[in-house]
């Protein structure tokens, strides 16, 4: 647990912070899990968004965005990033595949 006043690590059951001398109230204690949950991010969604913005890496954007959506479904973290990455990756997939098909298809006039 951490002291609410100075933020230093406290022993479980501490009444006084040994670092700053503040009296530790049970209601003021912040657990490590709560602090970790606040700082947790969805790296898959972030990577999906980044790769989704790069046209020729759209396939990586698709993979990471889908993985980010699955992770966000469990943890409720990074859903918007994963969806935006998926939309961008899908857009570039359609654009690039259409361009390739049109470029390599024979033109009949």
C-alpha atoms as a PDB file:
ATOM      1  CA  UNK A   1       0.000   0.000   0.000  1.00  0.00           C
ATOM      2  CA  UNK A   2       1.035   3.591  -0.498  1.00  0.00           C
ATOM      3  CA  UNK A   3       0.884   6.723   1.667  1.00  0.00           C
ATOM      4  CA  UNK A   4      -1.733   9.149   0.402  1.00  0.00           C
ATOM      5  CA  UNK A   5       0.432  12.133   1.398  1.00  0.00           C
ATOM      6  CA  UNK A   6       3.909  11.298   0.049  1.00  0.00           C
ATOM      7  CA  UNK A   7       3.174   8.326  -2.214  1.00  0.00           C
ATOM      8  CA  UNK A   8       5.838   6.086  -0.679  1.00  0.00           C
ATOM      9  CA  UNK A   9       5.351   2.369  -0.171  1.00  0.00           C
ATOM     10  CA  UNK A  10       3.948   1.400   3.262  1.00  0.00           C
ATOM     11  CA  UNK A  11       3.967  -1.848   5.164  1.00  0.00           C
ATOM     12  CA  UNK A  12       0.584  -3.518   5.562  1.00  0.00           C
ATOM     13  CA  UNK A  13      -1.074  -2.399   8.770  1.00  0.00           C
ATOM     14  CA  UNK A  14       1.077   0.732   9.163  1.00  0.00           C
ATOM     15  CA  UNK A  15      -0.425   3.479  11.298  1.00  0.00           C
ATOM     16  CA  UNK A  16       2.201   6.176  10.646  1.00  0.00           C
ATOM     17  CA  UNK A  17       4.159   6.711   7.422  1.00  0.00           C
ATOM     18  CA  UNK A  18       7.859   6.189   8.190  1.00  0.00           C
ATOM     19  CA  UNK A  19       8.815   8.509   5.306  1.00  0.00           C
ATOM     20  CA  UNK A  20       6.760  11.642   5.968  1.00  0.00           C
ATOM     21  CA  UNK A  21       5.306  11.002   9.437  1.00  0.00           C
ATOM     22  CA  UNK A  22       1.712  11.385   8.350  1.00  0.00           C
ATOM     23  CA  UNK A  23      -0.943   9.421  10.195  1.00  0.00           C
ATOM     24  CA  UNK A  24      -2.326   6.794   7.885  1.00  0.00           C
ATOM     25  CA  UNK A  25      -6.083   6.504   7.886  1.00  0.00           C
ATOM     26  CA  UNK A  26      -7.513   3.216   6.625  1.00  0.00           C
ATOM     27  CA  UNK A  27      -9.815   5.112   4.269  1.00  0.00           C
ATOM     28  CA  UNK A  28      -6.865   6.987   2.725  1.00  0.00           C
ATOM     29  CA  UNK A  29      -4.846   3.908   1.800  1.00  0.00           C
ATOM     30  CA  UNK A  30      -4.498   3.261  -1.893  1.00  0.00           C
ATOM     31  CA  UNK A  31      -3.893  -0.324  -2.875  1.00  0.00           C
ATOM     32  CA  UNK A  32      -1.302  -1.322  -5.451  1.00  0.00           C
ATOM     33  CA  UNK A  33      -3.966  -3.002  -7.582  1.00  0.00           C
ATOM     34  CA  UNK A  34      -5.958   0.218  -7.869  1.00  0.00           C
ATOM     35  CA  UNK A  35      -2.874   2.138  -8.991  1.00  0.00           C
ATOM     36  CA  UNK A  36      -1.916  -0.539 -11.504  1.00  0.00           C
ATOM     37  CA  UNK A  37      -5.433  -0.622 -12.957  1.00  0.00           C
ATOM     38  CA  UNK A  38      -5.342   3.152 -13.513  1.00  0.00           C
ATOM     39  CA  UNK A  39      -2.037   2.969 -15.370  1.00  0.00           C
ATOM     40  CA  UNK A  40      -2.859  -0.150 -17.422  1.00  0.00           C
ATOM     41  CA  UNK A  41      -3.141   0.296 -21.176  1.00  0.00           C
ATOM     42  CA  UNK A  42      -4.129  -1.892 -24.077  1.00  0.00           C
ATOM     43  CA  UNK A  43      -0.886  -2.210 -26.047  1.00  0.00           C
ATOM     44  CA  UNK A  44      -2.556  -4.297 -28.763  1.00  0.00           C
ATOM     45  CA  UNK A  45      -5.091  -1.549 -29.441  1.00  0.00           C
ATOM     46  CA  UNK A  46      -2.334   1.080 -29.522  1.00  0.00           C
ATOM     47  CA  UNK A  47      -0.270  -0.963 -31.987  1.00  0.00           C
ATOM     48  CA  UNK A  48      -3.370  -1.611 -34.097  1.00  0.00           C
ATOM     49  CA  UNK A  49      -4.029   2.119 -34.265  1.00  0.00           C
ATOM     50  CA  UNK A  50      -0.411   2.914 -35.178  1.00  0.00           C
ATOM     51  CA  UNK A  51      -0.127   0.212 -37.845  1.00  0.00           C
ATOM     52  CA  UNK A  52      -3.617   1.058 -39.089  1.00  0.00           C
ATOM     53  CA  UNK A  53      -2.380   4.547 -39.994  1.00  0.00           C
ATOM     54  CA  UNK A  54       0.465   3.168 -42.134  1.00  0.00           C
ATOM     55  CA  UNK A  55      -0.996   2.091 -45.479  1.00  0.00           C
ATOM     56  CA  UNK A  56       1.400  -0.740 -46.332  1.00  0.00           C
ATOM     57  CA  UNK A  57       1.310  -2.256 -42.841  1.00  0.00           C
ATOM     58  CA  UNK A  58      -2.472  -2.545 -42.795  1.00  0.00           C
ATOM     59  CA  UNK A  59      -2.321  -6.296 -42.178  1.00  0.00           C
ATOM     60  CA  UNK A  60      -0.453  -5.715 -38.904  1.00  0.00           C
ATOM     61  CA  UNK A  61      -3.067  -3.113 -38.004  1.00  0.00           C
ATOM     62  CA  UNK A  62      -5.808  -5.664 -38.594  1.00  0.00           C
ATOM     63  CA  UNK A  63      -4.101  -8.299 -36.471  1.00  0.00           C
ATOM     64  CA  UNK A  64      -3.296  -6.003 -33.549  1.00  0.00           C
ATOM     65  CA  UNK A  65      -6.679  -4.264 -33.653  1.00  0.00           C
ATOM     66  CA  UNK A  66      -8.554  -7.560 -33.508  1.00  0.00           C
ATOM     67  CA  UNK A  67      -6.316  -8.704 -30.644  1.00  0.00           C
ATOM     68  CA  UNK A  68      -6.916  -5.326 -28.959  1.00  0.00           C
ATOM     69  CA  UNK A  69     -10.684  -5.765 -29.284  1.00  0.00           C
ATOM     70  CA  UNK A  70     -10.478  -9.182 -27.640  1.00  0.00           C
ATOM     71  CA  UNK A  71      -8.358  -7.749 -24.821  1.00  0.00           C
ATOM     72  CA  UNK A  72     -10.706  -4.762 -24.418  1.00  0.00           C
ATOM     73  CA  UNK A  73     -13.686  -7.077 -24.218  1.00  0.00           C
ATOM     74  CA  UNK A  74     -12.142  -8.724 -21.140  1.00  0.00           C
ATOM     75  CA  UNK A  75     -10.638  -5.673 -19.421  1.00  0.00           C
ATOM     76  CA  UNK A  76     -12.745  -2.749 -20.709  1.00  0.00           C
ATOM     77  CA  UNK A  77      -9.522  -0.885 -21.595  1.00  0.00           C
ATOM     78  CA  UNK A  78      -8.712   0.579 -25.025  1.00  0.00           C
ATOM     79  CA  UNK A  79     -11.914  -0.255 -26.876  1.00  0.00           C
ATOM     80  CA  UNK A  80     -11.966   3.038 -28.829  1.00  0.00           C
ATOM     81  CA  UNK A  81      -8.355   2.676 -29.973  1.00  0.00           C
ATOM     82  CA  UNK A  82      -8.962  -0.877 -31.144  1.00  0.00           C
ATOM     83  CA  UNK A  83     -12.085   0.116 -33.099  1.00  0.00           C
ATOM     84  CA  UNK A  84     -10.359   3.094 -34.763  1.00  0.00           C
ATOM     85  CA  UNK A  85      -7.372   0.903 -35.637  1.00  0.00           C
ATOM     86  CA  UNK A  86      -9.685  -1.708 -37.120  1.00  0.00           C
ATOM     87  CA  UNK A  87     -11.562   0.886 -39.190  1.00  0.00           C
ATOM     88  CA  UNK A  88      -8.339   2.451 -40.521  1.00  0.00           C
ATOM     89  CA  UNK A  89      -6.799  -0.931 -41.292  1.00  0.00           C
ATOM     90  CA  UNK A  90      -9.963  -2.071 -43.059  1.00  0.00           C
ATOM     91  CA  UNK A  91     -10.068   1.139 -45.094  1.00  0.00           C
ATOM     92  CA  UNK A  92      -6.463   0.755 -46.239  1.00  0.00           C
ATOM     93  CA  UNK A  93      -7.057  -2.927 -46.977  1.00  0.00           C
ATOM     94  CA  UNK A  94      -9.873  -2.038 -49.368  1.00  0.00           C
ATOM     95  CA  UNK A  95      -7.942   0.850 -50.951  1.00  0.00           C
ATOM     96  CA  UNK A  96      -4.722  -1.089 -51.482  1.00  0.00           C
ATOM     97  CA  UNK A  97      -6.393  -4.282 -52.702  1.00  0.00           C
ATOM     98  CA  UNK A  98      -8.586  -2.296 -55.099  1.00  0.00           C
ATOM     99  CA  UNK A  99      -5.533  -0.458 -56.408  1.00  0.00           C
ATOM    100  CA  UNK A 100      -3.636  -3.715 -56.925  1.00  0.00           C
ATOM    101  CA  UNK A 101      -6.559  -5.358 -58.719  1.00  0.00           C
ATOM    102  CA  UNK A 102      -7.075  -2.353 -60.989  1.00  0.00           C
ATOM    103  CA  UNK A 103      -3.365  -2.011 -61.696  1.00  0.00           C
ATOM    104  CA  UNK A 104      -2.831  -5.652 -62.629  1.00  0.00           C
ATOM    105  CA  UNK A 105      -6.096  -6.321 -64.437  1.00  0.00           C
ATOM    106  CA  UNK A 106      -6.044  -6.040 -68.222  1.00  0.00           C
ATOM    107  CA  UNK A 107      -7.714  -2.942 -69.555  1.00  0.00           C
ATOM    108  CA  UNK A 108     -10.096  -3.567 -72.422  1.00  0.00           C
ATOM    109  CA  UNK A 109     -10.945  -0.505 -74.437  1.00  0.00           C
END
